[in-house]
C-alpha atoms as a PDB file:
ATOM      1  CA  UNK A   1     -21.235  -7.526  10.537  1.00  0.00           C
ATOM      2  CA  UNK A   2     -22.703  -4.810  12.655  1.00  0.00           C
ATOM      3  CA  UNK A   3     -22.880  -1.045  11.923  1.00  0.00           C
ATOM      4  CA  UNK A   4     -19.836  -0.265  14.178  1.00  0.00           C
ATOM      5  CA  UNK A   5     -17.649  -2.986  12.386  1.00  0.00           C
ATOM      6  CA  UNK A   6     -18.703  -1.831   9.030  1.00  0.00           C
ATOM      7  CA  UNK A   7     -17.703   1.748   9.893  1.00  0.00           C
ATOM      8  CA  UNK A   8     -14.268   0.606  11.203  1.00  0.00           C
ATOM      9  CA  UNK A   9     -13.780  -1.364   7.752  1.00  0.00           C
ATOM     10  CA  UNK A  10     -14.724   1.602   5.835  1.00  0.00           C
ATOM     11  CA  UNK A  11     -12.526   3.883   7.648  1.00  0.00           C
ATOM     12  CA  UNK A  12      -9.544   1.498   7.372  1.00  0.00           C
ATOM     13  CA  UNK A  13     -10.265   0.959   3.654  1.00  0.00           C
ATOM     14  CA  UNK A  14     -10.110   4.737   3.249  1.00  0.00           C
ATOM     15  CA  UNK A  15      -6.752   4.887   5.163  1.00  0.00           C
ATOM     16  CA  UNK A  16      -5.573   1.986   2.782  1.00  0.00           C
ATOM     17  CA  UNK A  17      -6.439   3.902  -0.252  1.00  0.00           C
ATOM     18  CA  UNK A  18      -4.447   6.960   0.985  1.00  0.00           C
ATOM     19  CA  UNK A  19      -1.432   4.754   1.780  1.00  0.00           C
ATOM     20  CA  UNK A  20      -1.704   3.185  -1.724  1.00  0.00           C
ATOM     21  CA  UNK A  21      -1.857   6.742  -3.279  1.00  0.00           C
ATOM     22  CA  UNK A  22       1.321   7.560  -1.322  1.00  0.00           C
ATOM     23  CA  UNK A  23       3.018   4.368  -2.325  1.00  0.00           C
ATOM     24  CA  UNK A  24       2.326   5.184  -5.876  1.00  0.00           C
ATOM     25  CA  UNK A  25       3.633   8.512  -5.682  1.00  0.00           C
ATOM     26  CA  UNK A  26       6.771   7.477  -3.906  1.00  0.00           C
ATOM     27  CA  UNK A  27       7.371   4.808  -6.673  1.00  0.00           C
ATOM     28  CA  UNK A  28       6.900   7.302  -9.457  1.00  0.00           C
ATOM     29  CA  UNK A  29       9.527   9.625  -7.757  1.00  0.00           C
ATOM     30  CA  UNK A  30      12.127   6.878  -7.392  1.00  0.00           C
ATOM     31  CA  UNK A  31      11.420   5.915 -11.031  1.00  0.00           C
ATOM     32  CA  UNK A  32      12.070   9.394 -12.212  1.00  0.00           C
ATOM     33  CA  UNK A  33      15.093   9.712 -10.031  1.00  0.00           C
ATOM     34  CA  UNK A  34      16.607   6.465 -11.227  1.00  0.00           C
ATOM     35  CA  UNK A  35      16.279   7.702 -14.811  1.00  0.00           C
ATOM     36  CA  UNK A  36      18.385  10.783 -14.150  1.00  0.00           C
ATOM     37  CA  UNK A  37      21.655  11.043 -16.018  1.00  0.00           C
ATOM     38  CA  UNK A  38      23.875  10.340 -13.056  1.00  0.00           C
ATOM     39  CA  UNK A  39      21.535   8.106 -11.078  1.00  0.00           C
ATOM     40  CA  UNK A  40      22.819   5.001  -9.265  1.00  0.00           C
ATOM     41  CA  UNK A  41      20.353   2.383  -8.695  1.00  0.00           C
ATOM     42  CA  UNK A  42      22.096   1.192  -5.505  1.00  0.00           C
ATOM     43  CA  UNK A  43      20.890   4.448  -3.833  1.00  0.00           C
ATOM     44  CA  UNK A  44      17.209   3.530  -4.160  1.00  0.00           C
ATOM     45  CA  UNK A  45      17.559  -0.161  -3.269  1.00  0.00           C
ATOM     46  CA  UNK A  46      16.388   0.213   0.318  1.00  0.00           C
ATOM     47  CA  UNK A  47      13.596   2.426  -0.636  1.00  0.00           C
ATOM     48  CA  UNK A  48      12.224   0.028  -3.144  1.00  0.00           C
ATOM     49  CA  UNK A  49      12.608  -2.739  -0.703  1.00  0.00           C
ATOM     50  CA  UNK A  50      10.661  -0.813   2.033  1.00  0.00           C
ATOM     51  CA  UNK A  51       7.860   0.254  -0.384  1.00  0.00           C
ATOM     52  CA  UNK A  52       7.590  -3.511  -1.683  1.00  0.00           C
ATOM     53  CA  UNK A  53       7.113  -4.525   1.916  1.00  0.00           C
ATOM     54  CA  UNK A  54       4.513  -1.827   2.516  1.00  0.00           C
ATOM     55  CA  UNK A  55       2.630  -2.891  -0.621  1.00  0.00           C
ATOM     56  CA  UNK A  56       2.676  -6.638   0.485  1.00  0.00           C
ATOM     57  CA  UNK A  57       1.415  -5.647   3.878  1.00  0.00           C
ATOM     58  CA  UNK A  58      -1.402  -3.677   2.376  1.00  0.00           C
ATOM     59  CA  UNK A  59      -2.323  -6.697   0.308  1.00  0.00           C
ATOM     60  CA  UNK A  60      -2.632  -8.872   3.207  1.00  0.00           C
ATOM     61  CA  UNK A  61      -4.698  -6.578   5.045  1.00  0.00           C
ATOM     62  CA  UNK A  62      -7.070  -6.286   2.155  1.00  0.00           C
ATOM     63  CA  UNK A  63      -7.233  -9.971   1.784  1.00  0.00           C
ATOM     64  CA  UNK A  64      -7.987 -10.299   5.510  1.00  0.00           C
ATOM     65  CA  UNK A  65     -10.922  -7.891   5.041  1.00  0.00           C
ATOM     66  CA  UNK A  66     -12.192  -9.673   1.939  1.00  0.00           C
ATOM     67  CA  UNK A  67     -12.100 -13.129   3.912  1.00  0.00           C
ATOM     68  CA  UNK A  68     -13.952 -11.477   6.832  1.00  0.00           C
ATOM     69  CA  UNK A  69     -16.713  -9.957   4.538  1.00  0.00           C
ATOM     70  CA  UNK A  70     -17.107 -13.190   2.573  1.00  0.00           C
ATOM     71  CA  UNK A  71     -17.313 -15.225   5.763  1.00  0.00           C
ATOM     72  CA  UNK A  72     -20.017 -12.899   7.028  1.00  0.00           C
ATOM     73  CA  UNK A  73     -22.320 -13.699   3.978  1.00  0.00           C
END
């Protein structure tokens, strides 16, 4: 892996970290909202589905980076 590729990976990992923090925060907000006295879980169904798809996409991207790094060894 050359220096330019390494910098690209480092930048993307930093972006993924920010996305994960945002996702975590959104999940906590949905959790709190669902525990409210008059909450309707159906209201949050699409939000939870969207966040689960985002988490899965991030997991796949991290796995690709790990495969790429391990192949380069």
